[in-house]
């Protein structure tokens, strides 16, 4: 169960999740684990794109925070997955996340300078709002393992902080 918990925490901090990406049905713990892992990888990829493209110190610092936080959790999650021999389960939501992220990165990759910075940070604000909502209304209530629920609740607090950070950076870009 710890693996699923860490994987969930990892993944929920990523790049723009379209509302259509969240499945209508209650996900299982293995599905939540896959959603979380997928989301974490996507957020790291988006942040690395920002680090490579942006010249704005605040945008780069925010992206570096995203890479640091998500890679640390991913490392712990992978160790737990191995230790507990848990197999995350691919599902419609994780597949939609991956597709939406690929599409969003393609859009961002075409932008430069202030246009890129604004689009990346706006995406991060929207993403974190979406993730926080999904945590509150779907993922936390759907998790059956008590430790997983607790980790998701802790993750929600972290992600609310990420949202506030992204909103602060966005306000300074205007």
N, C-alpha and C. Protein backbone atom coordinates (compact mmCIF):
# COMPACT_ATOMS: atom_id res chain seq x y z
N UNK A 1 0.81 -1.19 0.00
CA UNK A 1 0.00 0.00 0.00
C UNK A 1 0.86 1.27 0.00
N UNK A 2 2.00 1.23 0.66
CA UNK A 2 2.86 2.41 0.69
C UNK A 2 3.26 2.82 -0.71
N UNK A 3 3.49 1.87 -1.57
CA UNK A 3 3.89 2.17 -2.94
C UNK A 3 2.81 2.93 -3.64
N UNK A 4 1.59 2.47 -3.51
CA UNK A 4 0.49 3.15 -4.16
C UNK A 4 0.36 4.56 -3.61
N UNK A 5 0.59 4.71 -2.34
CA UNK A 5 0.47 6.02 -1.71
C UNK A 5 1.51 6.97 -2.27
N UNK A 6 2.74 6.56 -2.32
CA UNK A 6 3.81 7.43 -2.81
C UNK A 6 3.62 7.71 -4.30
N UNK A 7 3.18 6.70 -5.02
CA UNK A 7 2.96 6.90 -6.44
C UNK A 7 1.85 7.93 -6.66
N UNK A 8 0.81 7.83 -5.87
CA UNK A 8 -0.28 8.79 -5.99
C UNK A 8 0.21 10.19 -5.69
N UNK A 9 0.96 10.36 -4.63
CA UNK A 9 1.49 11.67 -4.28
C UNK A 9 2.35 12.20 -5.42
N UNK A 10 3.17 11.35 -5.98
CA UNK A 10 4.04 11.75 -7.07
C UNK A 10 3.24 12.29 -8.24
N UNK A 11 2.27 11.56 -8.63
CA UNK A 11 1.63 11.86 -9.88
C UNK A 11 0.67 13.00 -9.87
N UNK A 12 0.15 13.31 -8.76
CA UNK A 12 -0.90 14.32 -8.75
C UNK A 12 -0.41 15.73 -8.89
N UNK A 13 0.88 15.92 -9.01
CA UNK A 13 1.44 17.27 -9.13
C UNK A 13 1.86 17.62 -10.52
N UNK A 14 1.21 17.20 -11.51
CA UNK A 14 1.79 17.42 -12.80
C UNK A 14 1.12 18.43 -13.65
N UNK A 15 1.42 18.35 -14.86
CA UNK A 15 1.00 19.23 -15.92
C UNK A 15 -0.49 19.14 -16.18
N UNK A 16 -0.99 20.04 -16.94
CA UNK A 16 -2.41 20.24 -17.18
C UNK A 16 -3.19 18.97 -17.37
N UNK A 17 -4.14 18.79 -16.49
CA UNK A 17 -5.02 17.64 -16.60
C UNK A 17 -6.35 18.17 -17.09
N UNK A 18 -6.76 17.71 -18.22
CA UNK A 18 -8.04 18.14 -18.75
C UNK A 18 -9.15 17.48 -17.95
N UNK A 19 -10.28 18.16 -17.78
CA UNK A 19 -11.37 17.57 -17.02
C UNK A 19 -11.79 16.21 -17.57
N UNK A 20 -11.67 16.03 -18.87
CA UNK A 20 -12.06 14.74 -19.46
C UNK A 20 -11.13 13.61 -19.05
N UNK A 21 -9.98 13.94 -18.49
CA UNK A 21 -9.03 12.90 -18.12
C UNK A 21 -9.46 12.11 -16.90
N UNK A 22 -10.29 12.70 -16.05
CA UNK A 22 -10.70 12.00 -14.82
C UNK A 22 -11.87 11.10 -15.12
N UNK A 23 -11.69 9.82 -14.83
CA UNK A 23 -12.72 8.83 -15.08
C UNK A 23 -13.93 9.10 -14.19
N UNK A 24 -15.11 8.78 -14.70
CA UNK A 24 -16.33 9.00 -13.94
C UNK A 24 -16.48 7.95 -12.85
N UNK A 25 -15.98 6.75 -13.07
CA UNK A 25 -16.09 5.67 -12.10
C UNK A 25 -15.07 5.83 -11.00
N UNK A 26 -15.39 5.25 -9.85
CA UNK A 26 -14.48 5.28 -8.71
C UNK A 26 -13.25 4.42 -9.03
N UNK A 27 -12.05 5.01 -9.03
CA UNK A 27 -10.85 4.23 -9.32
C UNK A 27 -10.44 3.35 -8.14
N UNK A 28 -9.80 2.24 -8.46
CA UNK A 28 -9.26 1.35 -7.43
C UNK A 28 -7.90 1.88 -6.98
N UNK A 29 -7.39 1.35 -5.87
CA UNK A 29 -6.07 1.78 -5.40
C UNK A 29 -4.98 1.55 -6.45
N UNK A 30 -4.93 0.39 -7.14
CA UNK A 30 -3.91 0.23 -8.19
C UNK A 30 -4.08 1.24 -9.33
N UNK A 31 -5.31 1.61 -9.65
CA UNK A 31 -5.54 2.62 -10.68
C UNK A 31 -5.10 3.99 -10.19
N UNK A 32 -5.41 4.31 -8.93
CA UNK A 32 -4.97 5.58 -8.36
C UNK A 32 -3.44 5.65 -8.40
N UNK A 33 -2.79 4.54 -8.11
CA UNK A 33 -1.32 4.50 -8.15
C UNK A 33 -0.81 4.83 -9.55
N UNK A 34 -1.45 4.28 -10.57
CA UNK A 34 -1.00 4.53 -11.94
C UNK A 34 -1.30 5.96 -12.35
N UNK A 35 -2.45 6.47 -11.96
CA UNK A 35 -2.79 7.86 -12.25
C UNK A 35 -1.74 8.77 -11.62
N UNK A 36 -1.41 8.50 -10.38
CA UNK A 36 -0.45 9.32 -9.65
C UNK A 36 0.93 9.26 -10.28
N UNK A 37 1.39 8.07 -10.60
CA UNK A 37 2.71 7.93 -11.20
C UNK A 37 2.76 8.66 -12.54
N UNK A 38 1.74 8.44 -13.35
CA UNK A 38 1.68 9.09 -14.66
C UNK A 38 1.71 10.61 -14.49
N UNK A 39 0.93 11.11 -13.58
CA UNK A 39 0.86 12.56 -13.34
C UNK A 39 2.20 13.11 -12.88
N UNK A 40 2.90 12.41 -12.01
CA UNK A 40 4.20 12.87 -11.53
C UNK A 40 5.23 12.98 -12.63
N UNK A 41 5.27 11.97 -13.46
CA UNK A 41 6.21 11.97 -14.58
C UNK A 41 5.91 13.14 -15.52
N UNK A 42 4.64 13.35 -15.78
CA UNK A 42 4.23 14.43 -16.68
C UNK A 42 4.64 15.79 -16.13
N UNK A 43 4.46 16.01 -14.82
CA UNK A 43 4.81 17.30 -14.24
C UNK A 43 6.31 17.55 -14.30
N UNK A 44 7.09 16.50 -14.08
CA UNK A 44 8.55 16.64 -14.18
C UNK A 44 8.93 16.99 -15.62
N UNK A 45 8.32 16.33 -16.59
CA UNK A 45 8.63 16.61 -18.00
C UNK A 45 8.28 18.06 -18.35
N UNK A 46 7.14 18.54 -17.89
CA UNK A 46 6.75 19.92 -18.16
C UNK A 46 7.72 20.90 -17.51
N UNK A 47 8.11 20.61 -16.29
CA UNK A 47 9.04 21.49 -15.58
C UNK A 47 10.40 21.51 -16.27
N UNK A 48 10.85 20.37 -16.73
CA UNK A 48 12.14 20.33 -17.44
C UNK A 48 12.07 21.14 -18.73
N UNK A 49 10.93 21.10 -19.40
CA UNK A 49 10.75 21.93 -20.59
C UNK A 49 10.86 23.41 -20.21
N UNK A 50 10.23 23.79 -19.11
CA UNK A 50 10.28 25.18 -18.65
C UNK A 50 11.71 25.59 -18.30
N UNK A 51 12.43 24.72 -17.65
CA UNK A 51 13.81 25.03 -17.27
C UNK A 51 14.66 25.26 -18.53
N UNK A 52 14.42 24.47 -19.56
CA UNK A 52 15.22 24.60 -20.78
C UNK A 52 14.82 25.81 -21.63
N UNK A 53 13.56 26.26 -21.54
CA UNK A 53 13.09 27.33 -22.42
C UNK A 53 13.03 28.71 -21.77
N UNK A 54 12.78 28.76 -20.48
CA UNK A 54 12.52 30.06 -19.85
C UNK A 54 13.82 30.77 -19.47
N UNK A 55 13.76 32.08 -19.56
CA UNK A 55 14.85 32.94 -19.11
C UNK A 55 14.44 33.71 -17.85
N UNK A 56 13.18 33.50 -17.43
CA UNK A 56 12.64 34.19 -16.26
C UNK A 56 13.04 33.44 -15.00
N UNK A 57 13.73 34.11 -14.09
CA UNK A 57 14.26 33.44 -12.90
C UNK A 57 13.15 32.87 -12.02
N UNK A 58 12.00 33.54 -11.94
CA UNK A 58 10.90 33.03 -11.11
C UNK A 58 10.27 31.78 -11.72
N UNK A 59 10.12 31.78 -13.02
CA UNK A 59 9.56 30.61 -13.71
C UNK A 59 10.52 29.43 -13.58
N UNK A 60 11.80 29.68 -13.78
CA UNK A 60 12.79 28.60 -13.67
C UNK A 60 12.84 28.07 -12.23
N UNK A 61 12.80 28.97 -11.24
CA UNK A 61 12.82 28.53 -9.84
C UNK A 61 11.59 27.68 -9.51
N UNK A 62 10.43 28.10 -10.00
CA UNK A 62 9.21 27.32 -9.80
C UNK A 62 9.36 25.94 -10.44
N UNK A 63 9.81 25.90 -11.67
CA UNK A 63 9.98 24.63 -12.38
C UNK A 63 10.99 23.73 -11.67
N UNK A 64 12.07 24.33 -11.17
CA UNK A 64 13.06 23.54 -10.42
C UNK A 64 12.44 22.95 -9.16
N UNK A 65 11.56 23.70 -8.50
CA UNK A 65 10.85 23.17 -7.33
C UNK A 65 9.98 21.98 -7.72
N UNK A 66 9.30 22.09 -8.87
CA UNK A 66 8.45 20.99 -9.32
C UNK A 66 9.29 19.74 -9.60
N UNK A 67 10.43 19.91 -10.27
CA UNK A 67 11.29 18.77 -10.56
C UNK A 67 11.78 18.15 -9.26
N UNK A 68 12.28 18.99 -8.37
CA UNK A 68 12.81 18.49 -7.09
C UNK A 68 11.75 17.71 -6.30
N UNK A 69 10.59 18.32 -6.13
CA UNK A 69 9.54 17.70 -5.33
C UNK A 69 9.05 16.39 -5.96
N UNK A 70 8.80 16.43 -7.25
CA UNK A 70 8.22 15.26 -7.91
C UNK A 70 9.22 14.14 -8.13
N UNK A 71 10.46 14.48 -8.43
CA UNK A 71 11.45 13.41 -8.58
C UNK A 71 11.73 12.73 -7.24
N UNK A 72 11.74 13.49 -6.16
CA UNK A 72 11.96 12.89 -4.84
C UNK A 72 10.85 11.90 -4.51
N UNK A 73 9.63 12.29 -4.76
CA UNK A 73 8.51 11.41 -4.47
C UNK A 73 8.52 10.21 -5.43
N UNK A 74 8.85 10.45 -6.70
CA UNK A 74 8.92 9.35 -7.66
C UNK A 74 9.94 8.30 -7.23
N UNK A 75 11.08 8.77 -6.75
CA UNK A 75 12.11 7.84 -6.29
C UNK A 75 11.60 6.99 -5.14
N UNK A 76 10.95 7.64 -4.19
CA UNK A 76 10.39 6.90 -3.05
C UNK A 76 9.28 5.97 -3.51
N UNK A 77 8.45 6.43 -4.42
CA UNK A 77 7.35 5.61 -4.92
C UNK A 77 7.86 4.36 -5.62
N UNK A 78 8.87 4.53 -6.46
CA UNK A 78 9.41 3.37 -7.16
C UNK A 78 10.03 2.36 -6.20
N UNK A 79 10.70 2.86 -5.17
CA UNK A 79 11.27 1.96 -4.17
C UNK A 79 10.16 1.19 -3.45
N UNK A 80 9.09 1.88 -3.12
CA UNK A 80 7.98 1.22 -2.45
C UNK A 80 7.27 0.22 -3.35
N UNK A 81 7.08 0.58 -4.61
CA UNK A 81 6.44 -0.34 -5.56
C UNK A 81 7.24 -1.64 -5.63
N UNK A 82 8.55 -1.49 -5.70
CA UNK A 82 9.41 -2.67 -5.77
C UNK A 82 9.33 -3.48 -4.47
N UNK A 83 9.43 -2.79 -3.36
CA UNK A 83 9.40 -3.45 -2.04
C UNK A 83 8.08 -4.19 -1.81
N UNK A 84 6.98 -3.55 -2.14
CA UNK A 84 5.66 -4.13 -1.87
C UNK A 84 5.13 -5.01 -3.00
N UNK A 85 5.87 -5.01 -4.12
CA UNK A 85 5.46 -5.80 -5.28
C UNK A 85 4.04 -5.45 -5.73
N UNK A 86 3.78 -4.16 -5.78
CA UNK A 86 2.49 -3.65 -6.22
C UNK A 86 2.60 -3.30 -7.71
N UNK A 87 1.60 -3.66 -8.44
CA UNK A 87 1.57 -3.34 -9.86
C UNK A 87 0.50 -2.30 -10.11
N UNK A 88 0.91 -1.06 -10.38
CA UNK A 88 -0.09 -0.05 -10.73
C UNK A 88 -0.86 -0.48 -11.98
N UNK A 89 -2.13 -0.12 -12.03
CA UNK A 89 -2.99 -0.57 -13.12
C UNK A 89 -3.31 0.58 -14.07
N UNK A 90 -2.92 0.42 -15.33
CA UNK A 90 -3.23 1.41 -16.35
C UNK A 90 -4.75 1.50 -16.47
N UNK A 91 -5.22 2.68 -16.82
CA UNK A 91 -6.66 2.89 -16.89
C UNK A 91 -6.96 4.07 -17.81
N UNK A 92 -8.23 4.31 -18.05
CA UNK A 92 -8.63 5.37 -18.98
C UNK A 92 -8.10 6.73 -18.53
N UNK A 93 -8.09 6.98 -17.24
CA UNK A 93 -7.64 8.27 -16.73
C UNK A 93 -6.15 8.46 -16.97
N UNK A 94 -5.34 7.46 -16.64
CA UNK A 94 -3.90 7.60 -16.84
C UNK A 94 -3.56 7.73 -18.32
N UNK A 95 -4.30 7.03 -19.18
CA UNK A 95 -4.08 7.14 -20.62
C UNK A 95 -4.45 8.54 -21.11
N UNK A 96 -5.56 9.07 -20.62
CA UNK A 96 -5.98 10.42 -21.02
C UNK A 96 -4.98 11.46 -20.52
N UNK A 97 -4.45 11.27 -19.32
CA UNK A 97 -3.44 12.18 -18.79
C UNK A 97 -2.23 12.23 -19.71
N UNK A 98 -1.76 11.07 -20.09
CA UNK A 98 -0.57 10.99 -20.95
C UNK A 98 -0.83 11.68 -22.29
N UNK A 99 -1.98 11.44 -22.89
CA UNK A 99 -2.30 12.07 -24.17
C UNK A 99 -2.42 13.57 -24.03
N UNK A 100 -3.15 14.04 -23.01
CA UNK A 100 -3.33 15.47 -22.80
C UNK A 100 -1.99 16.16 -22.54
N UNK A 101 -1.12 15.50 -21.79
CA UNK A 101 0.19 16.08 -21.49
C UNK A 101 1.05 16.19 -22.74
N UNK A 102 1.00 15.19 -23.59
CA UNK A 102 1.76 15.23 -24.84
C UNK A 102 1.26 16.39 -25.71
N UNK A 103 -0.04 16.55 -25.78
CA UNK A 103 -0.62 17.65 -26.56
C UNK A 103 -0.21 19.00 -25.98
N UNK A 104 -0.27 19.14 -24.67
CA UNK A 104 0.07 20.41 -24.02
C UNK A 104 1.54 20.74 -24.18
N UNK A 105 2.41 19.75 -24.02
CA UNK A 105 3.85 20.00 -24.21
C UNK A 105 4.15 20.43 -25.64
N UNK A 106 3.44 19.85 -26.60
CA UNK A 106 3.63 20.25 -28.00
C UNK A 106 3.26 21.72 -28.20
N UNK A 107 2.18 22.15 -27.57
CA UNK A 107 1.77 23.56 -27.66
C UNK A 107 2.81 24.45 -27.00
N UNK A 108 3.25 24.07 -25.80
CA UNK A 108 4.23 24.87 -25.07
C UNK A 108 5.56 24.94 -25.82
N UNK A 109 5.96 23.86 -26.44
CA UNK A 109 7.25 23.80 -27.14
C UNK A 109 7.32 24.80 -28.29
N UNK A 110 6.18 25.20 -28.82
CA UNK A 110 6.14 26.15 -29.94
C UNK A 110 6.28 27.59 -29.47
N UNK A 111 6.18 27.82 -28.18
CA UNK A 111 6.22 29.18 -27.63
C UNK A 111 7.62 29.52 -27.14
N UNK A 112 7.89 30.82 -27.06
CA UNK A 112 9.18 31.29 -26.55
C UNK A 112 8.96 32.54 -25.69
N UNK A 113 9.97 32.84 -24.89
CA UNK A 113 9.97 34.06 -24.12
C UNK A 113 8.79 34.20 -23.18
N UNK A 114 8.27 35.43 -23.10
CA UNK A 114 7.17 35.73 -22.19
C UNK A 114 5.92 34.92 -22.52
N UNK A 115 5.71 34.63 -23.79
CA UNK A 115 4.54 33.83 -24.18
C UNK A 115 4.63 32.43 -23.59
N UNK A 116 5.82 31.85 -23.65
CA UNK A 116 6.02 30.53 -23.05
C UNK A 116 5.80 30.61 -21.55
N UNK A 117 6.44 31.57 -20.90
CA UNK A 117 6.36 31.69 -19.44
C UNK A 117 4.91 31.78 -18.98
N UNK A 118 4.15 32.66 -19.61
CA UNK A 118 2.75 32.85 -19.23
C UNK A 118 1.93 31.58 -19.45
N UNK A 119 2.15 30.92 -20.58
CA UNK A 119 1.39 29.71 -20.89
C UNK A 119 1.76 28.57 -19.92
N UNK A 120 3.05 28.42 -19.65
CA UNK A 120 3.48 27.36 -18.73
C UNK A 120 2.91 27.58 -17.34
N UNK A 121 3.05 28.78 -16.82
CA UNK A 121 2.58 29.05 -15.46
C UNK A 121 1.06 28.99 -15.38
N UNK A 122 0.37 29.51 -16.38
CA UNK A 122 -1.10 29.41 -16.41
C UNK A 122 -1.54 27.95 -16.41
N UNK A 123 -0.81 27.14 -17.16
CA UNK A 123 -1.09 25.71 -17.20
C UNK A 123 -0.89 25.07 -15.83
N UNK A 124 0.16 25.47 -15.15
CA UNK A 124 0.44 24.92 -13.82
C UNK A 124 -0.63 25.34 -12.81
N UNK A 125 -1.10 26.58 -12.90
CA UNK A 125 -2.18 27.04 -12.02
C UNK A 125 -3.43 26.20 -12.26
N UNK A 126 -3.83 26.09 -13.52
CA UNK A 126 -5.02 25.32 -13.88
C UNK A 126 -4.88 23.86 -13.48
N UNK A 127 -3.71 23.31 -13.73
CA UNK A 127 -3.45 21.91 -13.38
C UNK A 127 -3.62 21.67 -11.89
N UNK A 128 -3.00 22.52 -11.09
CA UNK A 128 -3.08 22.32 -9.64
C UNK A 128 -4.49 22.51 -9.11
N UNK A 129 -5.24 23.43 -9.68
CA UNK A 129 -6.65 23.57 -9.29
C UNK A 129 -7.39 22.27 -9.59
N UNK A 130 -7.14 21.72 -10.77
CA UNK A 130 -7.80 20.49 -11.20
C UNK A 130 -7.40 19.32 -10.29
N UNK A 131 -6.12 19.20 -10.03
CA UNK A 131 -5.63 18.10 -9.19
C UNK A 131 -6.19 18.21 -7.78
N UNK A 132 -6.17 19.41 -7.24
CA UNK A 132 -6.69 19.59 -5.89
C UNK A 132 -8.16 19.21 -5.82
N UNK A 133 -8.92 19.60 -6.84
CA UNK A 133 -10.32 19.22 -6.90
C UNK A 133 -10.50 17.71 -7.02
N UNK A 134 -9.68 17.09 -7.85
CA UNK A 134 -9.76 15.63 -8.02
C UNK A 134 -9.39 14.90 -6.73
N UNK A 135 -8.39 15.42 -6.04
CA UNK A 135 -8.02 14.82 -4.76
C UNK A 135 -9.19 14.87 -3.78
N UNK A 136 -9.80 16.05 -3.67
CA UNK A 136 -10.88 16.24 -2.70
C UNK A 136 -12.13 15.45 -3.04
N UNK A 137 -12.48 15.41 -4.32
CA UNK A 137 -13.78 14.84 -4.69
C UNK A 137 -13.74 13.41 -5.22
N UNK A 138 -12.59 12.96 -5.69
CA UNK A 138 -12.53 11.62 -6.30
C UNK A 138 -11.46 10.73 -5.70
N UNK A 139 -10.22 11.16 -5.70
CA UNK A 139 -9.13 10.26 -5.33
C UNK A 139 -9.11 9.93 -3.84
N UNK A 140 -9.21 10.93 -2.99
CA UNK A 140 -9.22 10.65 -1.54
C UNK A 140 -10.45 9.82 -1.16
N UNK A 141 -11.66 10.21 -1.60
CA UNK A 141 -12.82 9.38 -1.25
C UNK A 141 -12.77 7.97 -1.85
N UNK A 142 -12.08 7.79 -2.98
CA UNK A 142 -12.03 6.48 -3.63
C UNK A 142 -10.98 5.55 -3.04
N UNK A 143 -9.98 6.11 -2.39
CA UNK A 143 -8.90 5.28 -1.84
C UNK A 143 -9.45 4.42 -0.70
N UNK A 144 -9.21 3.12 -0.77
CA UNK A 144 -9.71 2.24 0.28
C UNK A 144 -8.71 2.03 1.40
N UNK A 145 -7.44 2.19 1.12
CA UNK A 145 -6.42 1.99 2.13
C UNK A 145 -6.28 3.26 2.97
N UNK A 146 -6.30 3.12 4.29
CA UNK A 146 -6.23 4.27 5.20
C UNK A 146 -4.93 5.05 5.03
N UNK A 147 -3.82 4.34 4.83
CA UNK A 147 -2.53 5.01 4.65
C UNK A 147 -2.51 5.80 3.34
N UNK A 148 -3.13 5.25 2.32
CA UNK A 148 -3.22 5.93 1.04
C UNK A 148 -4.03 7.22 1.20
N UNK A 149 -5.18 7.13 1.88
CA UNK A 149 -5.99 8.32 2.12
C UNK A 149 -5.19 9.39 2.86
N UNK A 150 -4.45 8.96 3.87
CA UNK A 150 -3.66 9.91 4.65
C UNK A 150 -2.60 10.58 3.79
N UNK A 151 -1.93 9.81 2.96
CA UNK A 151 -0.92 10.37 2.08
C UNK A 151 -1.54 11.33 1.06
N UNK A 152 -2.69 10.97 0.53
CA UNK A 152 -3.38 11.85 -0.42
C UNK A 152 -3.77 13.17 0.26
N UNK A 153 -4.20 13.08 1.49
CA UNK A 153 -4.56 14.30 2.24
C UNK A 153 -3.32 15.17 2.46
N UNK A 154 -2.19 14.54 2.77
CA UNK A 154 -0.94 15.29 2.91
C UNK A 154 -0.54 15.89 1.57
N UNK A 155 -0.68 15.09 0.51
CA UNK A 155 -0.39 15.57 -0.83
C UNK A 155 -1.24 16.77 -1.20
N UNK A 156 -2.50 16.74 -0.81
CA UNK A 156 -3.38 17.86 -1.11
C UNK A 156 -2.84 19.15 -0.51
N UNK A 157 -2.34 19.08 0.70
CA UNK A 157 -1.76 20.28 1.33
C UNK A 157 -0.54 20.78 0.55
N UNK A 158 0.30 19.85 0.12
CA UNK A 158 1.49 20.21 -0.67
C UNK A 158 1.06 20.85 -1.99
N UNK A 159 0.08 20.24 -2.65
CA UNK A 159 -0.36 20.71 -3.95
C UNK A 159 -1.08 22.05 -3.87
N UNK A 160 -1.74 22.29 -2.75
CA UNK A 160 -2.34 23.61 -2.54
C UNK A 160 -1.23 24.66 -2.45
N UNK A 161 -0.12 24.28 -1.83
CA UNK A 161 1.05 25.17 -1.78
C UNK A 161 1.63 25.40 -3.16
N UNK A 162 1.70 24.35 -3.98
CA UNK A 162 2.18 24.50 -5.36
C UNK A 162 1.26 25.44 -6.14
N UNK A 163 -0.05 25.30 -5.93
CA UNK A 163 -1.00 26.17 -6.62
C UNK A 163 -0.77 27.63 -6.22
N UNK A 164 -0.60 27.87 -4.94
CA UNK A 164 -0.36 29.24 -4.48
C UNK A 164 0.94 29.79 -5.07
N UNK A 165 1.97 28.95 -5.11
CA UNK A 165 3.25 29.37 -5.69
C UNK A 165 3.07 29.72 -7.17
N UNK A 166 2.37 28.86 -7.90
CA UNK A 166 2.14 29.11 -9.33
C UNK A 166 1.31 30.39 -9.52
N UNK A 167 0.32 30.61 -8.70
CA UNK A 167 -0.50 31.82 -8.79
C UNK A 167 0.35 33.06 -8.53
N UNK A 168 1.26 32.98 -7.57
CA UNK A 168 2.15 34.10 -7.26
C UNK A 168 3.06 34.40 -8.46
N UNK A 169 3.63 33.36 -9.04
CA UNK A 169 4.50 33.57 -10.21
C UNK A 169 3.68 34.15 -11.36
N UNK A 170 2.46 33.62 -11.58
CA UNK A 170 1.61 34.12 -12.66
C UNK A 170 1.28 35.61 -12.47
N UNK A 171 0.99 36.00 -11.24
CA UNK A 171 0.65 37.41 -10.96
C UNK A 171 1.83 38.34 -11.27
N UNK A 172 3.03 37.85 -11.07
CA UNK A 172 4.23 38.67 -11.32
C UNK A 172 4.62 38.70 -12.80
N UNK A 173 4.02 37.86 -13.62
CA UNK A 173 4.32 37.84 -15.05
C UNK A 173 3.47 38.84 -15.82
N UNK A 174 2.45 39.37 -15.22
CA UNK A 174 1.52 40.25 -15.95
C UNK A 174 2.03 41.63 -16.14
